[in-house]
Amino acid sequence: MKITTHIDGNLLKQALRETHASSQREVLETGLKNLLADIKRKRFVQDFDHFRLSLTLKDLKRLRA
């Protein structure tokens, strides 16, 4: 998909330098992929942060055997 947008030139140059990407497109695609992965990771942690198991030590030992 082609889009036209305004991006801070200094930010883009720094991203190119730091990532050693071969193109601006590569930097933007990598950034978007990382952003989505971060959002998914945060949702996963949030969803399972309150996940509780009602296992006793006896139950756990039985399951491990």
N, C-alpha and C. Protein backbone atom coordinates (compact mmCIF):
# COMPACT_ATOMS: atom_id res chain seq x y z
N MET A 1 0.85 -1.16 0.00
CA MET A 1 0.00 0.00 0.00
C MET A 1 0.90 1.23 0.00
N LYS A 2 0.56 2.16 -0.81
CA LYS A 2 1.31 3.41 -0.85
C LYS A 2 0.60 4.46 -0.03
N ILE A 3 1.38 5.19 0.79
CA ILE A 3 0.82 6.29 1.57
C ILE A 3 1.80 7.46 1.53
N THR A 4 1.28 8.62 1.79
CA THR A 4 2.12 9.80 1.94
C THR A 4 1.90 10.31 3.35
N THR A 5 3.01 10.54 4.04
CA THR A 5 2.91 11.02 5.41
C THR A 5 4.11 11.89 5.75
N HIS A 6 4.01 12.63 6.80
CA HIS A 6 5.11 13.46 7.26
C HIS A 6 5.73 12.80 8.49
N ILE A 7 7.04 12.55 8.43
CA ILE A 7 7.77 11.91 9.52
C ILE A 7 8.95 12.79 9.87
N ASP A 8 9.24 12.91 11.14
CA ASP A 8 10.39 13.67 11.62
C ASP A 8 11.65 13.10 10.95
N GLY A 9 12.31 13.91 10.15
CA GLY A 9 13.49 13.48 9.41
C GLY A 9 14.62 13.00 10.31
N ASN A 10 14.83 13.71 11.42
CA ASN A 10 15.89 13.31 12.35
C ASN A 10 15.61 11.95 12.97
N LEU A 11 14.34 11.72 13.29
CA LEU A 11 13.95 10.44 13.88
C LEU A 11 14.17 9.30 12.88
N LEU A 12 13.82 9.54 11.64
CA LEU A 12 14.00 8.52 10.60
C LEU A 12 15.48 8.25 10.36
N LYS A 13 16.29 9.30 10.31
CA LYS A 13 17.74 9.13 10.11
C LYS A 13 18.35 8.34 11.26
N GLN A 14 17.93 8.66 12.48
CA GLN A 14 18.45 7.95 13.65
C GLN A 14 18.06 6.48 13.59
N ALA A 15 16.81 6.21 13.22
CA ALA A 15 16.34 4.82 13.11
C ALA A 15 17.12 4.06 12.04
N LEU A 16 17.40 4.70 10.93
CA LEU A 16 18.20 4.06 9.88
C LEU A 16 19.60 3.74 10.38
N ARG A 17 20.19 4.69 11.09
CA ARG A 17 21.54 4.50 11.63
C ARG A 17 21.58 3.37 12.66
N GLU A 18 20.64 3.39 13.58
CA GLU A 18 20.65 2.43 14.69
C GLU A 18 20.29 1.02 14.25
N THR A 19 19.41 0.89 13.28
CA THR A 19 18.96 -0.44 12.86
C THR A 19 19.79 -1.01 11.72
N HIS A 20 20.59 -0.17 11.08
CA HIS A 20 21.37 -0.60 9.91
C HIS A 20 20.44 -1.10 8.80
N ALA A 21 19.24 -0.57 8.76
CA ALA A 21 18.29 -0.96 7.73
C ALA A 21 18.76 -0.42 6.38
N SER A 22 18.35 -1.10 5.33
CA SER A 22 18.80 -0.69 4.00
C SER A 22 17.89 0.35 3.36
N SER A 23 16.72 0.56 3.94
CA SER A 23 15.80 1.53 3.35
C SER A 23 14.87 2.10 4.41
N GLN A 24 14.25 3.21 4.07
CA GLN A 24 13.27 3.82 4.96
C GLN A 24 12.07 2.89 5.12
N ARG A 25 11.70 2.24 4.05
CA ARG A 25 10.57 1.29 4.09
C ARG A 25 10.85 0.18 5.11
N GLU A 26 12.06 -0.33 5.09
CA GLU A 26 12.42 -1.41 6.03
C GLU A 26 12.31 -0.92 7.47
N VAL A 27 12.76 0.30 7.73
CA VAL A 27 12.67 0.88 9.08
C VAL A 27 11.21 0.98 9.50
N LEU A 28 10.37 1.51 8.63
CA LEU A 28 8.96 1.69 8.97
C LEU A 28 8.25 0.36 9.18
N GLU A 29 8.50 -0.62 8.31
CA GLU A 29 7.87 -1.93 8.47
C GLU A 29 8.33 -2.62 9.75
N THR A 30 9.61 -2.53 10.02
CA THR A 30 10.15 -3.13 11.26
C THR A 30 9.55 -2.45 12.48
N GLY A 31 9.44 -1.13 12.42
CA GLY A 31 8.86 -0.39 13.54
C GLY A 31 7.41 -0.78 13.78
N LEU A 32 6.64 -0.91 12.71
CA LEU A 32 5.23 -1.30 12.86
C LEU A 32 5.10 -2.73 13.40
N LYS A 33 5.93 -3.63 12.90
CA LYS A 33 5.91 -5.02 13.40
C LYS A 33 6.26 -5.07 14.89
N ASN A 34 7.27 -4.29 15.28
CA ASN A 34 7.67 -4.26 16.69
C ASN A 34 6.59 -3.63 17.56
N LEU A 35 5.94 -2.60 17.06
CA LEU A 35 4.85 -1.96 17.79
C LEU A 35 3.72 -2.96 18.03
N LEU A 36 3.33 -3.69 17.00
CA LEU A 36 2.25 -4.67 17.15
C LEU A 36 2.65 -5.81 18.09
N ALA A 37 3.89 -6.26 17.99
CA ALA A 37 4.36 -7.33 18.88
C ALA A 37 4.34 -6.85 20.33
N ASP A 38 4.72 -5.61 20.56
CA ASP A 38 4.72 -5.05 21.91
C ASP A 38 3.30 -4.96 22.45
N ILE A 39 2.37 -4.53 21.63
CA ILE A 39 0.96 -4.44 22.05
C ILE A 39 0.43 -5.82 22.39
N LYS A 40 0.73 -6.82 21.56
CA LYS A 40 0.26 -8.19 21.82
C LYS A 40 0.86 -8.74 23.11
N ARG A 41 2.15 -8.45 23.32
CA ARG A 41 2.83 -8.91 24.53
C ARG A 41 2.20 -8.29 25.78
N LYS A 42 1.91 -7.00 25.70
CA LYS A 42 1.30 -6.31 26.85
C LYS A 42 -0.10 -6.84 27.12
N ARG A 43 -0.86 -7.11 26.07
CA ARG A 43 -2.21 -7.68 26.25
C ARG A 43 -2.13 -9.06 26.89
N PHE A 44 -1.17 -9.86 26.44
CA PHE A 44 -1.00 -11.21 26.98
C PHE A 44 -0.69 -11.13 28.48
N VAL A 45 0.24 -10.27 28.84
CA VAL A 45 0.61 -10.12 30.25
C VAL A 45 -0.59 -9.61 31.06
N GLN A 46 -1.31 -8.66 30.50
CA GLN A 46 -2.47 -8.10 31.19
C GLN A 46 -3.55 -9.17 31.38
N ASP A 47 -3.80 -9.96 30.34
CA ASP A 47 -4.83 -11.01 30.42
C ASP A 47 -4.48 -12.09 31.44
N PHE A 48 -3.19 -12.44 31.51
CA PHE A 48 -2.81 -13.54 32.39
C PHE A 48 -2.20 -13.07 33.70
N ASP A 49 -2.18 -11.78 33.91
CA ASP A 49 -1.67 -11.25 35.17
C ASP A 49 -2.55 -11.68 36.34
N HIS A 50 -3.83 -11.83 36.06
CA HIS A 50 -4.77 -12.20 37.11
C HIS A 50 -5.18 -13.66 37.04
N PHE A 51 -4.43 -14.44 36.26
CA PHE A 51 -4.73 -15.86 36.11
C PHE A 51 -4.27 -16.59 37.37
N ARG A 52 -5.18 -17.25 38.01
CA ARG A 52 -4.85 -17.94 39.26
C ARG A 52 -5.13 -19.44 39.11
N LEU A 53 -4.22 -20.21 39.60
CA LEU A 53 -4.39 -21.66 39.64
C LEU A 53 -4.70 -22.06 41.07
N SER A 54 -5.65 -22.91 41.21
CA SER A 54 -5.97 -23.38 42.56
C SER A 54 -5.40 -24.78 42.73
N LEU A 55 -4.08 -24.87 42.65
CA LEU A 55 -3.39 -26.15 42.84
C LEU A 55 -2.74 -26.17 44.21
N THR A 56 -2.85 -27.30 44.83
CA THR A 56 -2.12 -27.50 46.07
C THR A 56 -0.77 -28.09 45.72
N LEU A 57 0.12 -28.12 46.66
CA LEU A 57 1.43 -28.72 46.44
C LEU A 57 1.27 -30.19 46.07
N LYS A 58 0.31 -30.85 46.70
CA LYS A 58 0.05 -32.26 46.41
C LYS A 58 -0.40 -32.43 44.95
N ASP A 59 -1.30 -31.57 44.50
CA ASP A 59 -1.76 -31.62 43.10
C ASP A 59 -0.60 -31.40 42.13
N LEU A 60 0.25 -30.43 42.44
CA LEU A 60 1.38 -30.12 41.57
C LEU A 60 2.34 -31.30 41.49
N LYS A 61 2.64 -31.91 42.61
CA LYS A 61 3.54 -33.07 42.61
C LYS A 61 2.93 -34.22 41.80
N ARG A 62 1.62 -34.42 41.92
CA ARG A 62 0.94 -35.47 41.15
C ARG A 62 1.02 -35.19 39.65
N LEU A 63 0.85 -33.94 39.25
CA LEU A 63 0.91 -33.58 37.84
C LEU A 63 2.32 -33.70 37.26
N ARG A 64 3.31 -33.47 38.09
CA ARG A 64 4.71 -33.54 37.63
C ARG A 64 5.20 -34.97 37.48
N ALA A 65 4.54 -35.90 38.13
CA ALA A 65 4.98 -37.31 38.11
C ALA A 65 4.63 -38.00 36.83
